[in-house]
């Protein structure tokens, strides 16, 4: 594993009598203005690879997100760190594979976490991207879904501030100030206290998060800022505004699809307000707007049992949420940096991972990485418009035993481990069984394994994958 170590030099302490104001001004003068870019990272919940119209969805038009893609770079091979929410977020926060932190499924009650060999929350001492930016003088905020600790019966999880956020507003999967829609998880969260709590309708949540984000940007427009807008949308169940539901009446034969499109439509409208505010404040050339989703679309068995296709599109990729096939882990990624990043570019070549975002954000902002192991690599060249080849393999783990949530269709259920190396992808179980190999040089079809035709590749990749798996800590 690569150890990324920032260049360091001994710092001379200030003269004992040097005024504090002078020290502050001297420090500020040493920071190149060009390096103080802002980052706004929008992370959508359970949105499939093909759900945006700029990724091929012809049933709903995501006009504001499409404009973001037209003015920036749209990636076609972006992978999240896990096909489920909590570890997907841990990968972004730490720049490390989430299994290193004993979070490899969604965080649940203490009893369920222990049964799956998991922690109850992310250790606050681990590397954290927001903390790194705050230490570099950035204002930081997280508005939206958290799910890295807190909720159900876990009342002692750290607040988002412990990971470097000056401000936060979350929901029932976190602690601190939060907004709670109706439901049992909100009822449990309310009993935990720890923050100002406001009851809201589910369809109001994205608007509230965007309102807070706009307020934060306005208050911090004269300084650099790092901002998360991590939506609870488009996670089911869906409760869209009635007028938007009527807008998609033509899909009423599948009520879940009708509801889903209404939620996407409203989400796009709300995000458009944030994007326009950044531009209206004149921050567009020094603000990097990033948009992605955390895992594939919903896959509950209940949809199939009721005779409906689950809502959410994968553009024909096999698998959905809870699967290590492409439909579960390949997601949209759009990057806009006006005046710096290429405009209207589609990058179909570069393989980018969520664990790359930490080092990439730091590189783009001119901030040194923490002196610790980072699994991700700096993809800033790709964010600016180049199309480099990835030089490091990617690893995944999900579903090590039958207690893990699985897609409703048997054909979407993958082995528990996966590795992507160049154009090869191999999947297998933790005991070495169930080996599947796919060659992506001829497309991304995962319907038929080619393992029997490439035994040398199987040997190489399965060995590397098992070695990685054995290096991951296990909770006994």
Protein backbone atom coordinates (compact mmCIF):
# COMPACT_ATOMS: atom_id res chain seq x y z
CA UNK A 1 0.00 0.00 0.00
CA UNK A 2 1.22 3.48 -0.83
CA UNK A 3 2.08 5.72 2.08
CA UNK A 4 1.49 9.33 1.14
CA UNK A 5 3.69 11.52 3.29
CA UNK A 6 3.58 15.28 2.99
CA UNK A 7 6.82 17.10 2.57
CA UNK A 8 7.72 18.67 5.88
CA UNK A 9 10.21 21.24 6.97
CA UNK A 10 11.06 22.43 10.45
CA UNK A 11 9.09 25.53 11.33
CA UNK A 12 10.85 28.30 13.20
CA UNK A 13 8.82 29.46 16.18
CA UNK A 14 7.77 33.10 16.13
CA UNK A 15 9.76 35.56 18.15
CA UNK A 16 8.39 35.60 21.67
CA UNK A 17 7.25 39.23 21.51
CA UNK A 18 5.81 39.15 17.94
CA UNK A 19 2.16 40.34 18.18
CA UNK A 20 -0.50 37.72 17.49
CA UNK A 21 -2.08 39.85 14.76
CA UNK A 22 1.24 40.08 12.96
CA UNK A 23 1.63 36.32 13.11
CA UNK A 24 -1.85 35.87 11.66
CA UNK A 25 -1.22 38.31 8.82
CA UNK A 26 2.15 36.73 8.06
CA UNK A 27 0.56 33.27 7.93
CA UNK A 28 -2.24 34.49 5.64
CA UNK A 29 0.27 36.14 3.33
CA UNK A 30 2.06 32.82 2.91
CA UNK A 31 -1.08 31.13 1.57
CA UNK A 32 -1.30 31.49 -2.23
CA UNK A 33 -4.75 32.86 -3.10
CA UNK A 34 -4.94 30.53 -6.10
CA UNK A 35 -4.73 27.54 -3.79
CA UNK A 36 -7.65 28.63 -1.64
CA UNK A 37 -10.32 27.04 -3.78
CA UNK A 38 -13.67 26.16 -2.26
CA UNK A 39 -15.12 22.67 -2.49
CA UNK A 40 -18.84 21.88 -2.52
CA UNK A 41 -19.49 18.14 -2.53
CA UNK A 42 -23.03 16.91 -3.23
CA UNK A 43 -23.54 13.23 -2.35
CA UNK A 44 -26.87 11.69 -3.32
CA UNK A 45 -28.32 8.63 -1.56
CA UNK A 46 -29.15 5.45 -3.55
CA UNK A 47 -29.14 7.04 -7.01
CA UNK A 48 -28.31 4.66 -9.84
CA UNK A 49 -25.69 5.11 -12.53
CA UNK A 50 -28.36 5.85 -15.15
CA UNK A 51 -30.75 8.03 -13.16
CA UNK A 52 -29.55 11.43 -14.37
CA UNK A 53 -30.54 12.57 -17.83
CA UNK A 54 -26.90 13.41 -18.58
CA UNK A 55 -26.21 9.70 -17.93
CA UNK A 56 -28.96 8.54 -20.27
CA UNK A 57 -32.24 8.78 -18.34
CA UNK A 58 -34.94 9.73 -20.88
CA UNK A 59 -37.84 9.61 -18.42
CA UNK A 60 -36.93 12.61 -16.29
CA UNK A 61 -34.77 15.62 -17.09
CA UNK A 62 -32.28 16.70 -14.44
CA UNK A 63 -31.65 20.06 -16.07
CA UNK A 64 -29.57 21.68 -13.33
CA UNK A 65 -27.27 18.72 -12.84
CA UNK A 66 -26.99 18.37 -16.63
CA UNK A 67 -25.79 21.97 -16.84
CA UNK A 68 -23.17 21.14 -14.25
CA UNK A 69 -21.94 18.31 -16.50
CA UNK A 70 -22.02 20.53 -19.59
CA UNK A 71 -19.72 22.99 -17.84
CA UNK A 72 -17.41 20.36 -16.35
CA UNK A 73 -16.20 16.78 -16.53
CA UNK A 74 -18.53 13.77 -16.45
CA UNK A 75 -16.89 10.51 -15.40
CA UNK A 76 -18.10 7.11 -16.60
CA UNK A 77 -15.91 4.90 -14.40
CA UNK A 78 -16.33 6.27 -10.89
CA UNK A 79 -16.59 3.69 -8.10
CA UNK A 80 -17.79 4.10 -4.54
CA UNK A 81 -16.07 2.31 -1.67
CA UNK A 82 -19.04 0.08 -0.88
CA UNK A 83 -22.50 -0.81 -2.22
CA UNK A 84 -24.12 0.41 1.00
CA UNK A 85 -24.34 3.72 2.84
CA UNK A 86 -22.12 3.76 5.95
CA UNK A 87 -18.92 2.30 4.49
CA UNK A 88 -19.40 4.31 1.31
CA UNK A 89 -19.25 7.47 3.43
CA UNK A 90 -16.33 6.24 5.51
CA UNK A 91 -14.29 5.75 2.33
CA UNK A 92 -14.77 9.39 1.39
CA UNK A 93 -14.13 10.71 4.90
CA UNK A 94 -10.89 8.81 5.46
CA UNK A 95 -9.44 8.17 1.99
CA UNK A 96 -9.11 4.58 3.16
CA UNK A 97 -10.99 1.37 2.54
CA UNK A 98 -13.85 1.38 5.06
CA UNK A 99 -13.22 -2.20 6.16
CA UNK A 100 -9.99 -0.92 7.75
CA UNK A 101 -12.24 0.81 10.26
CA UNK A 102 -14.50 -2.20 10.87
CA UNK A 103 -17.38 -0.58 9.03
CA UNK A 104 -18.35 -2.80 6.11
CA UNK A 105 -22.13 -2.61 6.21
CA UNK A 106 -24.65 -0.05 7.39
CA UNK A 107 -24.42 1.00 11.02
CA UNK A 108 -27.34 -0.38 13.02
CA UNK A 109 -28.05 -1.08 16.69
CA UNK A 110 -25.22 -2.09 19.00
CA UNK A 111 -26.37 -5.70 18.92
CA UNK A 112 -26.55 -5.86 15.12
CA UNK A 113 -23.23 -4.10 14.71
CA UNK A 114 -21.53 -6.58 17.01
CA UNK A 115 -23.12 -9.56 15.25
CA UNK A 116 -21.51 -8.41 11.99
CA UNK A 117 -18.12 -7.64 13.53
CA UNK A 118 -18.51 -3.87 13.24
CA UNK A 119 -17.85 -0.80 15.32
CA UNK A 120 -20.73 1.41 16.44
CA UNK A 121 -19.22 4.53 14.86
CA UNK A 122 -16.19 5.76 12.97
CA UNK A 123 -13.23 6.33 15.27
CA UNK A 124 -12.79 10.14 15.41
CA UNK A 125 -9.01 9.80 15.58
CA UNK A 126 -8.75 8.48 12.00
CA UNK A 127 -7.79 10.74 9.08
CA UNK A 128 -10.73 12.97 8.15
CA UNK A 129 -10.93 15.18 5.09
CA UNK A 130 -12.89 17.98 6.76
CA UNK A 131 -10.44 18.13 9.66
CA UNK A 132 -7.57 18.45 7.19
CA UNK A 133 -9.30 21.37 5.48
CA UNK A 134 -10.21 23.05 8.76
CA UNK A 135 -6.61 22.81 9.93
CA UNK A 136 -5.64 24.58 6.71
CA UNK A 137 -7.91 27.51 7.60
CA UNK A 138 -11.11 26.48 5.83
CA UNK A 139 -14.64 26.95 7.12
CA UNK A 140 -16.28 23.51 7.06
CA UNK A 141 -19.85 22.25 7.17
CA UNK A 142 -21.83 19.04 6.71
CA UNK A 143 -25.52 19.26 5.89
CA UNK A 144 -27.34 16.02 5.19
CA UNK A 145 -27.10 12.31 5.76
CA UNK A 146 -24.32 11.23 8.12
CA UNK A 147 -24.63 7.50 8.97
CA UNK A 148 -21.12 7.15 10.36
CA UNK A 149 -22.34 6.86 13.95
CA UNK A 150 -25.33 7.79 16.09
CA UNK A 151 -28.94 6.66 15.90
CA UNK A 152 -31.02 3.67 16.99
CA UNK A 153 -29.57 2.88 20.44
CA UNK A 154 -26.09 4.34 19.80
CA UNK A 155 -26.12 7.51 21.88
CA UNK A 156 -22.38 7.97 22.41
CA UNK A 157 -21.20 8.46 18.83
CA UNK A 158 -19.13 11.60 18.20
CA UNK A 159 -20.82 14.55 16.53
CA UNK A 160 -19.69 15.57 13.03
CA UNK A 161 -17.62 18.30 14.69
CA UNK A 162 -15.24 15.60 15.97
CA UNK A 163 -14.28 14.90 12.35
CA UNK A 164 -13.58 18.51 11.44
CA UNK A 165 -16.91 20.20 10.71
CA UNK A 166 -17.59 23.64 12.15
CA UNK A 167 -21.32 23.26 11.47
CA UNK A 168 -23.62 20.32 10.87
CA UNK A 169 -27.24 19.39 10.31
CA UNK A 170 -28.00 15.69 9.96
CA UNK A 171 -30.99 13.38 10.32
CA UNK A 172 -31.83 10.17 12.21
CA UNK A 173 -28.53 8.46 11.28
CA UNK A 174 -26.39 10.87 13.30
CA UNK A 175 -26.26 13.09 16.37
CA UNK A 176 -26.13 16.83 16.90
CA UNK A 177 -28.56 19.27 15.30
CA UNK A 178 -30.89 17.32 13.05
CA UNK A 179 -34.14 17.23 11.12
CA UNK A 180 -36.37 14.20 11.55
CA UNK A 181 -39.05 12.97 9.14
CA UNK A 182 -41.85 10.73 10.42
CA UNK A 183 -40.81 7.14 11.15
CA UNK A 184 -39.52 4.68 13.70
CA UNK A 185 -35.84 5.58 13.26
CA UNK A 186 -36.69 9.23 13.89
CA UNK A 187 -38.60 8.24 17.02
CA UNK A 188 -35.50 6.42 18.28
CA UNK A 189 -33.27 9.35 17.37
CA UNK A 190 -35.46 11.84 19.21
CA UNK A 191 -34.93 9.94 22.47
CA UNK A 192 -31.14 10.27 22.16
CA UNK A 193 -31.11 14.05 22.52
CA UNK A 194 -27.74 15.70 21.79
CA UNK A 195 -28.68 18.61 19.58
CA UNK A 196 -31.55 20.77 18.40
CA UNK A 197 -34.21 18.60 16.79
CA UNK A 198 -36.83 19.71 14.28
CA UNK A 199 -39.64 17.54 12.91
CA UNK A 200 -40.11 17.91 9.14
CA UNK A 201 -41.83 16.17 6.23
CA UNK A 202 -39.51 13.96 4.22
CA UNK A 203 -40.05 15.98 1.03
CA UNK A 204 -38.79 19.10 2.86
CA UNK A 205 -35.39 17.70 3.77
CA UNK A 206 -33.42 18.46 0.62
CA UNK A 207 -34.75 22.03 0.54
CA UNK A 208 -33.71 22.53 4.17
CA UNK A 209 -30.20 21.18 3.53
CA UNK A 210 -29.83 23.43 0.48
CA UNK A 211 -31.08 26.44 2.46
CA UNK A 212 -28.40 25.79 5.08
CA UNK A 213 -25.77 25.31 2.39
CA UNK A 214 -26.66 28.59 0.70
CA UNK A 215 -26.55 30.40 4.03
CA UNK A 216 -23.14 28.87 4.79
CA UNK A 217 -21.73 29.90 1.40
CA UNK A 218 -23.00 33.46 1.81
CA UNK A 219 -21.48 33.79 5.27
CA UNK A 220 -18.13 32.38 4.17
CA UNK A 221 -17.75 33.82 0.68
CA UNK A 222 -14.73 35.89 1.71
CA UNK A 223 -12.81 32.86 3.02
CA UNK A 224 -12.16 29.36 1.69
CA UNK A 225 -14.76 26.76 2.59
CA UNK A 226 -15.28 23.00 2.40
CA UNK A 227 -18.95 21.98 2.26
CA UNK A 228 -20.84 18.68 2.23
CA UNK A 229 -24.43 18.54 0.98
CA UNK A 230 -25.16 14.84 1.49
CA UNK A 231 -28.81 14.27 0.71
CA UNK A 232 -31.21 11.71 2.14
CA UNK A 233 -32.84 11.69 -1.30
CA UNK A 234 -33.32 9.56 -3.34
CA UNK A 235 -33.46 6.78 -0.73
CA UNK A 236 -36.83 5.05 -0.50
CA UNK A 237 -39.50 5.27 0.79
CA UNK A 238 -40.60 8.18 -1.37
CA UNK A 239 -42.91 10.99 -0.28
CA UNK A 240 -42.85 13.60 -3.06
CA UNK A 241 -44.86 16.77 -3.19
CA UNK A 242 -48.35 16.05 -4.61
CA UNK A 243 -47.94 18.49 -7.50
CA UNK A 244 -44.74 16.76 -8.61
CA UNK A 245 -46.36 13.36 -8.35
CA UNK A 246 -49.03 14.59 -10.76
CA UNK A 247 -46.30 15.78 -13.14
CA UNK A 248 -45.24 12.14 -13.62
CA UNK A 249 -48.73 10.69 -13.91
CA UNK A 250 -47.69 8.85 -17.10
CA UNK A 251 -45.65 6.46 -14.94
CA UNK A 252 -48.49 5.65 -12.55
CA UNK A 253 -48.61 2.01 -13.71
CA UNK A 254 -45.52 1.64 -11.51
CA UNK A 255 -46.27 3.95 -8.56
CA UNK A 256 -42.75 3.57 -7.17
CA UNK A 257 -41.22 4.77 -10.41
CA UNK A 258 -43.66 7.68 -10.51
CA UNK A 259 -42.71 8.67 -6.96
CA UNK A 260 -39.01 8.23 -7.67
CA UNK A 261 -39.02 10.51 -10.69
CA UNK A 262 -40.91 13.14 -8.73
CA UNK A 263 -38.26 13.02 -5.99
CA UNK A 264 -35.41 13.28 -8.53
CA UNK A 265 -37.12 16.23 -10.21
CA UNK A 266 -37.44 18.13 -6.93
CA UNK A 267 -33.90 17.22 -5.87
CA UNK A 268 -32.53 18.63 -9.13
CA UNK A 269 -34.54 21.83 -8.67
CA UNK A 270 -33.23 22.36 -5.15
CA UNK A 271 -29.62 21.68 -6.12
CA UNK A 272 -29.99 24.17 -8.95
CA UNK A 273 -30.60 26.88 -6.33
CA UNK A 274 -27.25 26.06 -4.71
CA UNK A 275 -25.34 25.97 -7.99
CA UNK A 276 -26.82 29.31 -9.09
CA UNK A 277 -25.99 30.91 -5.74
CA UNK A 278 -22.33 29.96 -6.08
CA UNK A 279 -22.28 31.60 -9.50
CA UNK A 280 -24.27 34.66 -8.42
CA UNK A 281 -21.77 35.36 -5.65
CA UNK A 282 -18.93 35.33 -8.17
CA UNK A 283 -17.42 32.19 -6.65
CA UNK A 284 -17.66 29.98 -9.73
CA UNK A 285 -13.98 30.23 -10.75
CA UNK A 286 -12.69 29.40 -7.30
CA UNK A 287 -15.27 26.80 -6.30
CA UNK A 288 -15.08 23.16 -7.32
CA UNK A 289 -18.56 21.63 -7.50
CA UNK A 290 -18.56 17.85 -7.19
CA UNK A 291 -21.62 15.59 -7.44
CA UNK A 292 -21.82 11.82 -6.97
CA UNK A 293 -24.00 9.09 -5.45
CA UNK A 294 -23.22 6.65 -2.64
CA UNK A 295 -24.26 3.28 -4.14
CA UNK A 296 -26.60 1.65 -6.62
CA UNK A 297 -30.39 2.02 -6.62
CA UNK A 298 -32.72 0.33 -4.18
CA UNK A 299 -33.08 -3.45 -4.44
CA UNK A 300 -35.65 -4.58 -1.87
CA UNK A 301 -37.33 -7.89 -2.60
CA UNK A 302 -40.73 -6.31 -1.86
CA UNK A 303 -40.76 -4.52 -5.22
CA UNK A 304 -40.48 -7.78 -7.13
CA UNK A 305 -43.02 -9.47 -4.85
CA UNK A 306 -45.52 -6.74 -5.72
CA UNK A 307 -44.82 -7.19 -9.43
CA UNK A 308 -42.86 -3.98 -10.01
CA UNK A 309 -39.40 -3.17 -11.28
CA UNK A 310 -37.58 -1.36 -8.48
CA UNK A 311 -37.11 2.35 -9.16
CA UNK A 312 -33.67 3.49 -10.22
CA UNK A 313 -31.64 2.81 -13.33
CA UNK A 314 -28.23 1.19 -13.76
CA UNK A 315 -27.99 1.70 -17.55
CA UNK A 316 -27.91 -2.05 -18.02
CA UNK A 317 -25.13 -2.70 -15.51
CA UNK A 318 -25.62 -5.88 -13.52
CA UNK A 319 -26.44 -5.53 -9.84
CA UNK A 320 -27.98 -2.88 -7.63
CA UNK A 321 -27.52 -1.70 -4.08
CA UNK A 322 -25.86 -4.37 -1.86
CA UNK A 323 -24.00 -5.87 -4.83
CA UNK A 324 -20.37 -5.70 -5.91
CA UNK A 325 -21.39 -6.03 -9.53
CA UNK A 326 -21.09 -2.78 -11.48
CA UNK A 327 -24.66 -1.61 -10.85
CA UNK A 328 -24.00 -1.57 -7.11
CA UNK A 329 -20.73 0.33 -7.02
CA UNK A 330 -20.39 2.35 -10.24
CA UNK A 331 -21.95 5.77 -9.85
CA UNK A 332 -22.18 9.15 -11.55
CA UNK A 333 -19.39 11.65 -10.85
CA UNK A 334 -19.50 15.22 -12.15
CA UNK A 335 -16.83 17.86 -11.47
CA UNK A 336 -17.17 21.53 -12.43
CA UNK A 337 -14.43 24.07 -11.88
CA UNK A 338 -15.10 26.98 -14.18
CA UNK A 339 -12.04 28.32 -15.91
CA UNK A 340 -9.81 25.43 -14.81
CA UNK A 341 -11.47 22.07 -15.48
CA UNK A 342 -12.38 21.14 -19.03
CA UNK A 343 -15.97 21.97 -19.95
CA UNK A 344 -18.31 19.41 -21.49
CA UNK A 345 -15.80 16.56 -21.27
CA UNK A 346 -16.81 12.94 -20.81
CA UNK A 347 -14.05 10.88 -19.24
CA UNK A 348 -14.78 7.26 -20.11
CA UNK A 349 -11.22 6.08 -19.55
CA UNK A 350 -10.04 7.00 -16.04
CA UNK A 351 -11.04 4.74 -13.15
CA UNK A 352 -11.71 6.95 -10.12
CA UNK A 353 -12.63 5.76 -6.62
CA UNK A 354 -14.33 7.45 -3.71
CA UNK A 355 -11.17 6.85 -1.66
CA UNK A 356 -9.38 9.10 -4.17
CA UNK A 357 -11.47 12.13 -3.24
CA UNK A 358 -9.57 12.98 -0.03
CA UNK A 359 -6.12 13.18 -1.69
CA UNK A 360 -7.59 14.75 -4.83
CA UNK A 361 -9.40 17.51 -2.94
CA UNK A 362 -6.24 18.25 -0.98
CA UNK A 363 -4.16 18.41 -4.15
CA UNK A 364 -6.61 20.75 -5.86
CA UNK A 365 -6.62 23.03 -2.81
CA UNK A 366 -2.87 22.93 -2.27
CA UNK A 367 -3.25 21.28 1.15
CA UNK A 368 -0.86 18.68 2.52
CA UNK A 369 -2.25 15.27 3.31
CA UNK A 370 -1.97 13.88 6.84
CA UNK A 371 1.13 11.84 7.53
CA UNK A 372 -0.66 8.49 7.40
CA UNK A 373 -1.60 5.71 5.03
CA UNK A 374 -4.11 6.75 2.36
CA UNK A 375 -5.55 4.12 0.00
CA UNK A 376 -6.72 6.65 -2.56
CA UNK A 377 -4.58 8.38 -5.17
CA UNK A 378 -4.45 11.96 -6.39
CA UNK A 379 -6.77 12.25 -9.40
CA UNK A 380 -6.55 16.04 -9.71
CA UNK A 381 -5.29 15.75 -13.30
CA UNK A 382 -8.47 13.89 -14.26
CA UNK A 383 -10.59 16.48 -12.44
CA UNK A 384 -8.98 19.18 -14.58
CA UNK A 385 -9.63 17.35 -17.83
CA UNK A 386 -6.82 14.86 -18.46
CA UNK A 387 -7.64 11.17 -18.81
CA UNK A 388 -4.88 9.27 -16.97
CA UNK A 389 -4.84 5.52 -16.54
CA UNK A 390 -5.24 4.30 -12.99
CA UNK A 391 -2.05 2.71 -11.69
CA UNK A 392 -3.37 1.12 -8.50
CA UNK A 393 -5.89 -1.69 -8.07
CA UNK A 394 -9.16 -1.15 -6.19
CA UNK A 395 -10.56 -3.55 -3.58
CA UNK A 396 -14.03 -4.08 -2.10
CA UNK A 397 -15.66 -6.20 0.57
CA UNK A 398 -19.38 -6.60 1.19
CA UNK A 399 -21.59 -9.46 2.35
CA UNK A 400 -19.25 -11.75 4.20
CA UNK A 401 -22.14 -13.80 5.66
CA UNK A 402 -25.89 -14.32 5.10
CA UNK A 403 -26.85 -11.60 7.62
CA UNK A 404 -26.01 -8.86 5.11
CA UNK A 405 -28.71 -7.21 3.02
CA UNK A 406 -28.81 -8.66 -0.49
CA UNK A 407 -30.51 -7.53 -3.73
CA UNK A 408 -33.97 -8.90 -4.36
CA UNK A 409 -32.91 -10.75 -7.51
CA UNK A 410 -30.63 -13.74 -7.03
CA UNK A 411 -28.74 -12.82 -10.22
CA UNK A 412 -27.74 -9.47 -8.68
CA UNK A 413 -26.16 -11.06 -5.60
CA UNK A 414 -22.38 -10.98 -5.92
CA UNK A 415 -19.53 -12.75 -4.15
CA UNK A 416 -18.24 -10.93 -1.07
CA UNK A 417 -14.93 -9.62 -2.44
CA UNK A 418 -13.93 -7.78 -5.62
CA UNK A 419 -10.85 -6.25 -7.22
CA UNK A 420 -10.58 -3.97 -10.26
CA UNK A 421 -7.15 -3.83 -11.89
CA UNK A 422 -6.87 -2.20 -15.29
CA UNK A 423 -9.54 -3.72 -17.51
CA UNK A 424 -9.91 -6.80 -15.32
CA UNK A 425 -12.41 -7.29 -12.53
CA UNK A 426 -12.43 -10.38 -10.34
CA UNK A 427 -14.97 -11.36 -7.68
CA UNK A 428 -14.75 -14.18 -5.17
CA UNK A 429 -15.85 -15.20 -1.69
CA UNK A 430 -13.66 -14.92 1.37
CA UNK A 431 -12.94 -18.67 1.32
CA UNK A 432 -11.71 -18.51 -2.28
CA UNK A 433 -14.90 -19.93 -3.82
CA UNK A 434 -17.20 -18.39 -6.41
CA UNK A 435 -14.47 -16.90 -8.60
CA UNK A 436 -15.74 -14.74 -11.47
CA UNK A 437 -13.52 -12.83 -13.90
CA UNK A 438 -14.61 -10.15 -16.37
CA UNK A 439 -12.65 -8.44 -19.13
CA UNK A 440 -13.89 -4.88 -19.56
CA UNK A 441 -11.97 -4.28 -22.79
CA UNK A 442 -15.02 -5.53 -24.67
CA UNK A 443 -17.66 -3.79 -22.54
CA UNK A 444 -18.99 -3.96 -19.01
CA UNK A 445 -21.14 -7.05 -19.31
CA UNK A 446 -20.87 -9.22 -16.20
CA UNK A 447 -23.21 -11.95 -17.36
CA UNK A 448 -20.57 -14.55 -18.26
CA UNK A 449 -17.28 -15.11 -16.42
CA UNK A 450 -14.12 -15.64 -18.47
CA UNK A 451 -12.16 -17.13 -15.55
CA UNK A 452 -11.62 -20.47 -17.32
CA UNK A 453 -9.94 -18.70 -20.27
CA UNK A 454 -7.48 -16.66 -18.20
CA UNK A 455 -6.11 -18.82 -15.36
CA UNK A 456 -3.00 -16.67 -15.03
CA UNK A 457 -5.09 -13.54 -14.41
CA UNK A 458 -7.26 -15.44 -11.92
CA UNK A 459 -4.20 -16.58 -10.01
CA UNK A 460 -2.70 -13.10 -9.88
CA UNK A 461 -5.85 -11.20 -8.92
CA UNK A 462 -7.28 -13.77 -6.51
CA UNK A 463 -3.95 -13.86 -4.70
CA UNK A 464 -3.85 -10.07 -4.40
CA UNK A 465 -7.48 -9.94 -3.30
CA UNK A 466 -7.08 -12.58 -0.61
CA UNK A 467 -3.91 -10.91 0.63
CA UNK A 468 -5.81 -7.63 0.93
CA UNK A 469 -8.74 -9.33 2.69
CA UNK A 470 -6.42 -10.96 5.22
CA UNK A 471 -4.86 -7.59 5.99
CA UNK A 472 -8.23 -6.10 6.97
CA UNK A 473 -8.79 -6.09 10.75
CA UNK A 474 -11.56 -8.30 12.13
CA UNK A 475 -13.55 -7.65 15.28
CA UNK A 476 -13.57 -10.77 17.44
